Structure formats: structure tokens, C-alpha cells
Amino acid sequence: QVQLVVSGGGLVEAGGSLRLSCAASGLTTSSYTMAWFRQNAGKEREFVAGISWIGRRRYYADSVKGRFTISREDAKNTVHLQMNSLNPEDTAVYYCAAGTKWASTLHNEYDCWGQGTQVSVSS
């Protein structure tokens, strides 16, 4: 059974940092494209960052480029999202996802999802 367990959300002041982690079981993260999405109530799920299973290509939404870093820890079958210089616009529920499409930014192309974790940034 595939399971993605997300941890690391919380409340932080603007300019602060948080690190999210996504621990996988039932699949090998190095064999999938792993990504982070975020969503606010009433809005569509939005792509944040991804790392492909071929070539470890990292790709980001323009809104987080230069501030967020996605990484993969193969020995622990875990993917991380380091978020720096957070601002209130980053407030959302963040989700981890696994899929087989290379470098996809579309949420409907991901097959497995973790539970969300709330990230709240105060001004």
C-alpha cells in the first residue's frame, strides 16, 4: 500500500523558514516524479515544486523560485521542501504527490497524494 506522510507545517512570521518532509512507503521516491502542491479554500490546487525521477531535474513555480528548494533523500525515501523568505501569500495547505509523468506541474497527472499540512505565514 502506497503512503505519503507529510510533516513540518506550522505558523511562521513573514521572512521566516519552514521545512516540509514527505516520507514514502510502498514506492521508491527515486523512481517517481515527486512534487509539492498547495491549496487554499475555494481555489485550485497549485503546483509549487517538483523533482523528476530522470536526471533529478528540479523545477519550480515562478512564485517560489529562489526561495523554495526541493530535495530528495533517497536513503530515507523522503522528499523535502525547504521554504525560505516566506510571505503571507505562501499560506496554504501543502501536499506531497508522486507521479510517473516527467516534470509535470498538473495535479491531475499525479497518482498518489499525502495528507496536507497547514503552512501559515503571518505579516
C-alpha atoms as a PDB file:
ATOM      1  CA  GLN A   1       0.000   0.000   0.000  1.00  0.00           C
ATOM      2  CA  VAL A   2       1.405   3.366  -1.048  1.00  0.00           C
ATOM      3  CA  GLN A   3       1.506   6.018   1.602  1.00  0.00           C
ATOM      4  CA  LEU A   4       2.958   9.532   1.651  1.00  0.00           C
ATOM      5  CA  VAL A   5       3.202  11.063   5.104  1.00  0.00           C
ATOM      6  CA  VAL A   6       3.749  14.792   5.278  1.00  0.00           C
ATOM      7  CA  SER A   7       5.218  16.645   8.228  1.00  0.00           C
ATOM      8  CA  GLY A   8       6.666  20.026   9.077  1.00  0.00           C
ATOM      9  CA  GLY A   9       3.934  22.589   8.636  1.00  0.00           C
ATOM     10  CA  GLY A  10       3.192  25.317  11.112  1.00  0.00           C
ATOM     11  CA  LEU A  11       2.949  29.017  11.789  1.00  0.00           C
ATOM     12  CA  VAL A  12       5.823  31.341  10.986  1.00  0.00           C
ATOM     13  CA  GLU A  13       6.334  35.084  10.673  1.00  0.00           C
ATOM     14  CA  ALA A  14       6.961  36.688   7.313  1.00  0.00           C
ATOM     15  CA  GLY A  15      10.584  36.270   6.322  1.00  0.00           C
ATOM     16  CA  GLY A  16      10.904  33.023   8.240  1.00  0.00           C
ATOM     17  CA  SER A  17      11.569  29.486   7.106  1.00  0.00           C
ATOM     18  CA  LEU A  18       9.937  26.082   7.302  1.00  0.00           C
ATOM     19  CA  ARG A  19      10.925  22.654   6.070  1.00  0.00           C
ATOM     20  CA  LEU A  20       8.335  20.155   4.926  1.00  0.00           C
ATOM     21  CA  SER A  21       9.057  16.458   4.615  1.00  0.00           C
ATOM     22  CA  CYS A  22       7.251  13.700   2.748  1.00  0.00           C
ATOM     23  CA  ALA A  23       8.100  10.159   3.786  1.00  0.00           C
ATOM     24  CA  ALA A  24       7.063   7.487   1.305  1.00  0.00           C
ATOM     25  CA  SER A  25       6.242   3.847   1.813  1.00  0.00           C
ATOM     26  CA  GLY A  26       5.125   1.381  -0.823  1.00  0.00           C
ATOM     27  CA  LEU A  27       7.001   3.232  -3.551  1.00  0.00           C
ATOM     28  CA  THR A  28      10.557   4.340  -4.200  1.00  0.00           C
ATOM     29  CA  THR A  29      10.760   8.121  -4.485  1.00  0.00           C
ATOM     30  CA  SER A  30      13.765   7.906  -6.811  1.00  0.00           C
ATOM     31  CA  SER A  31      11.556   6.104  -9.353  1.00  0.00           C
ATOM     32  CA  TYR A  32       8.818   8.738  -9.417  1.00  0.00           C
ATOM     33  CA  THR A  33       8.456  12.406 -10.086  1.00  0.00           C
ATOM     34  CA  MET A  34       7.826  13.874  -6.644  1.00  0.00           C
ATOM     35  CA  ALA A  35       6.165  17.234  -6.221  1.00  0.00           C
ATOM     36  CA  TRP A  36       4.673  19.672  -3.786  1.00  0.00           C
ATOM     37  CA  PHE A  37       1.372  21.432  -4.357  1.00  0.00           C
ATOM     38  CA  ARG A  38      -0.569  23.884  -2.238  1.00  0.00           C
ATOM     39  CA  GLN A  39      -4.183  24.847  -1.959  1.00  0.00           C
ATOM     40  CA  ASN A  40      -6.347  27.432  -0.283  1.00  0.00           C
ATOM     41  CA  ALA A  41     -10.060  27.047   0.339  1.00  0.00           C
ATOM     42  CA  GLY A  42     -12.077  27.632  -2.801  1.00  0.00           C
ATOM     43  CA  LYS A  43      -9.020  27.657  -5.036  1.00  0.00           C
ATOM     44  CA  GLU A  44      -7.475  25.113  -7.340  1.00  0.00           C
ATOM     45  CA  ARG A  45      -4.511  23.069  -6.164  1.00  0.00           C
ATOM     46  CA  GLU A  46      -1.379  24.908  -7.271  1.00  0.00           C
ATOM     47  CA  PHE A  47       1.965  23.451  -8.277  1.00  0.00           C
ATOM     48  CA  VAL A  48       4.879  24.574  -6.092  1.00  0.00           C
ATOM     49  CA  ALA A  49       7.948  22.442  -6.822  1.00  0.00           C
ATOM     50  CA  GLY A  50       8.927  19.107  -8.330  1.00  0.00           C
ATOM     51  CA  ILE A  51      11.872  16.796  -8.781  1.00  0.00           C
ATOM     52  CA  SER A  52      11.848  14.336 -11.647  1.00  0.00           C
ATOM     53  CA  TRP A  53      12.862  10.707 -11.438  1.00  0.00           C
ATOM     54  CA  ILE A  54      15.052  11.034 -14.541  1.00  0.00           C
ATOM     55  CA  GLY A  55      18.033  13.277 -14.050  1.00  0.00           C
ATOM     56  CA  ARG A  56      16.757  14.708 -10.770  1.00  0.00           C
ATOM     57  CA  ARG A  57      15.572  17.800 -12.579  1.00  0.00           C
ATOM     58  CA  ARG A  58      14.166  20.339 -10.133  1.00  0.00           C
ATOM     59  CA  TYR A  59      11.504  22.769 -11.283  1.00  0.00           C
ATOM     60  CA  TYR A  60       9.553  25.453  -9.501  1.00  0.00           C
ATOM     61  CA  ALA A  61       6.588  27.728  -9.808  1.00  0.00           C
ATOM     62  CA  ASP A  62       7.682  31.274 -10.578  1.00  0.00           C
ATOM     63  CA  SER A  63       6.165  32.470  -7.309  1.00  0.00           C
ATOM     64  CA  VAL A  64       8.584  30.401  -5.222  1.00  0.00           C
ATOM     65  CA  LYS A  65      11.675  30.309  -7.427  1.00  0.00           C
ATOM     66  CA  GLY A  66      14.741  31.391  -5.492  1.00  0.00           C
ATOM     67  CA  ARG A  67      13.021  30.937  -2.134  1.00  0.00           C
ATOM     68  CA  PHE A  68      11.998  27.267  -2.051  1.00  0.00           C
ATOM     69  CA  THR A  69      14.195  24.229  -2.620  1.00  0.00           C
ATOM     70  CA  ILE A  70      13.002  20.696  -3.246  1.00  0.00           C
ATOM     71  CA  SER A  71      15.324  17.815  -2.459  1.00  0.00           C
ATOM     72  CA  ARG A  72      15.225  14.054  -2.257  1.00  0.00           C
ATOM     73  CA  GLU A  73      16.829  11.887   0.392  1.00  0.00           C
ATOM     74  CA  ASP A  74      16.913   8.501  -1.301  1.00  0.00           C
ATOM     75  CA  ALA A  75      18.285   6.589   1.681  1.00  0.00           C
ATOM     76  CA  LYS A  76      15.213   7.610   3.669  1.00  0.00           C
ATOM     77  CA  ASN A  77      12.782   7.521   0.740  1.00  0.00           C
ATOM     78  CA  THR A  78      11.869  11.079   1.656  1.00  0.00           C
ATOM     79  CA  VAL A  79      11.378  14.325  -0.192  1.00  0.00           C
ATOM     80  CA  HIS A  80      11.821  17.728   1.435  1.00  0.00           C
ATOM     81  CA  LEU A  81      10.686  21.241   0.670  1.00  0.00           C
ATOM     82  CA  GLN A  82      12.824  23.932   2.244  1.00  0.00           C
ATOM     83  CA  MET A  83      10.881  27.182   2.279  1.00  0.00           C
ATOM     84  CA  ASN A  84      12.754  30.419   2.962  1.00  0.00           C
ATOM     85  CA  SER A  85      11.703  34.064   2.908  1.00  0.00           C
ATOM     86  CA  LEU A  86       8.123  33.071   3.474  1.00  0.00           C
ATOM     87  CA  ASN A  87       5.423  35.658   2.932  1.00  0.00           C
ATOM     88  CA  PRO A  88       1.687  35.663   3.726  1.00  0.00           C
ATOM     89  CA  GLU A  89       0.891  34.682   0.139  1.00  0.00           C
ATOM     90  CA  ASP A  90       2.554  31.322   0.836  1.00  0.00           C
ATOM     91  CA  THR A  91      -0.142  30.479   3.379  1.00  0.00           C
ATOM     92  CA  ALA A  92      -1.907  27.312   2.256  1.00  0.00           C
ATOM     93  CA  VAL A  93      -2.319  23.615   2.861  1.00  0.00           C
ATOM     94  CA  TYR A  94       0.682  21.894   1.303  1.00  0.00           C
ATOM     95  CA  TYR A  95       0.514  18.430  -0.273  1.00  0.00           C
ATOM     96  CA  CYS A  96       3.131  15.956  -1.410  1.00  0.00           C
ATOM     97  CA  ALA A  97       2.479  13.933  -4.558  1.00  0.00           C
ATOM     98  CA  ALA A  98       4.061  11.156  -6.597  1.00  0.00           C
ATOM     99  CA  GLY A  99       3.564  10.524 -10.290  1.00  0.00           C
ATOM    100  CA  THR A 100       5.069   8.959 -13.369  1.00  0.00           C
ATOM    101  CA  LYS A 101       4.903  11.945 -15.727  1.00  0.00           C
ATOM    102  CA  TRP A 102       8.276  13.588 -16.168  1.00  0.00           C
ATOM    103  CA  ALA A 103       8.386  17.127 -14.749  1.00  0.00           C
ATOM    104  CA  SER A 104       4.629  17.560 -14.634  1.00  0.00           C
ATOM    105  CA  THR A 105       3.065  20.609 -12.998  1.00  0.00           C
ATOM    106  CA  LEU A 106      -0.515  19.366 -13.355  1.00  0.00           C
ATOM    107  CA  HIS A 107      -2.138  17.991 -10.233  1.00  0.00           C
ATOM    108  CA  ASN A 108      -4.315  15.563 -12.206  1.00  0.00           C
ATOM    109  CA  GLU A 109      -1.186  13.845 -13.549  1.00  0.00           C
ATOM    110  CA  TYR A 110      -0.141  12.735 -10.072  1.00  0.00           C
ATOM    111  CA  ASP A 111      -1.344   9.394  -8.793  1.00  0.00           C
ATOM    112  CA  CYS A 112      -0.516   9.382  -5.103  1.00  0.00           C
ATOM    113  CA  TRP A 113      -1.072  12.091  -2.546  1.00  0.00           C
ATOM    114  CA  GLY A 114      -0.093  12.646   1.035  1.00  0.00           C
ATOM    115  CA  GLN A 115      -2.283  14.306   3.618  1.00  0.00           C
ATOM    116  CA  GLY A 116      -1.991  18.065   3.665  1.00  0.00           C
ATOM    117  CA  THR A 117      -0.112  20.132   6.181  1.00  0.00           C
ATOM    118  CA  GLN A 118      -1.041  23.701   7.025  1.00  0.00           C
ATOM    119  CA  VAL A 119       1.533  26.423   6.493  1.00  0.00           C
ATOM    120  CA  SER A 120       0.526  29.803   7.849  1.00  0.00           C
ATOM    121  CA  VAL A 121       2.653  32.929   7.433  1.00  0.00           C
ATOM    122  CA  SER A 122       1.800  35.982   9.495  1.00  0.00           C
ATOM    123  CA  SER A 123       2.624  39.501   8.365  1.00  0.00           C
END
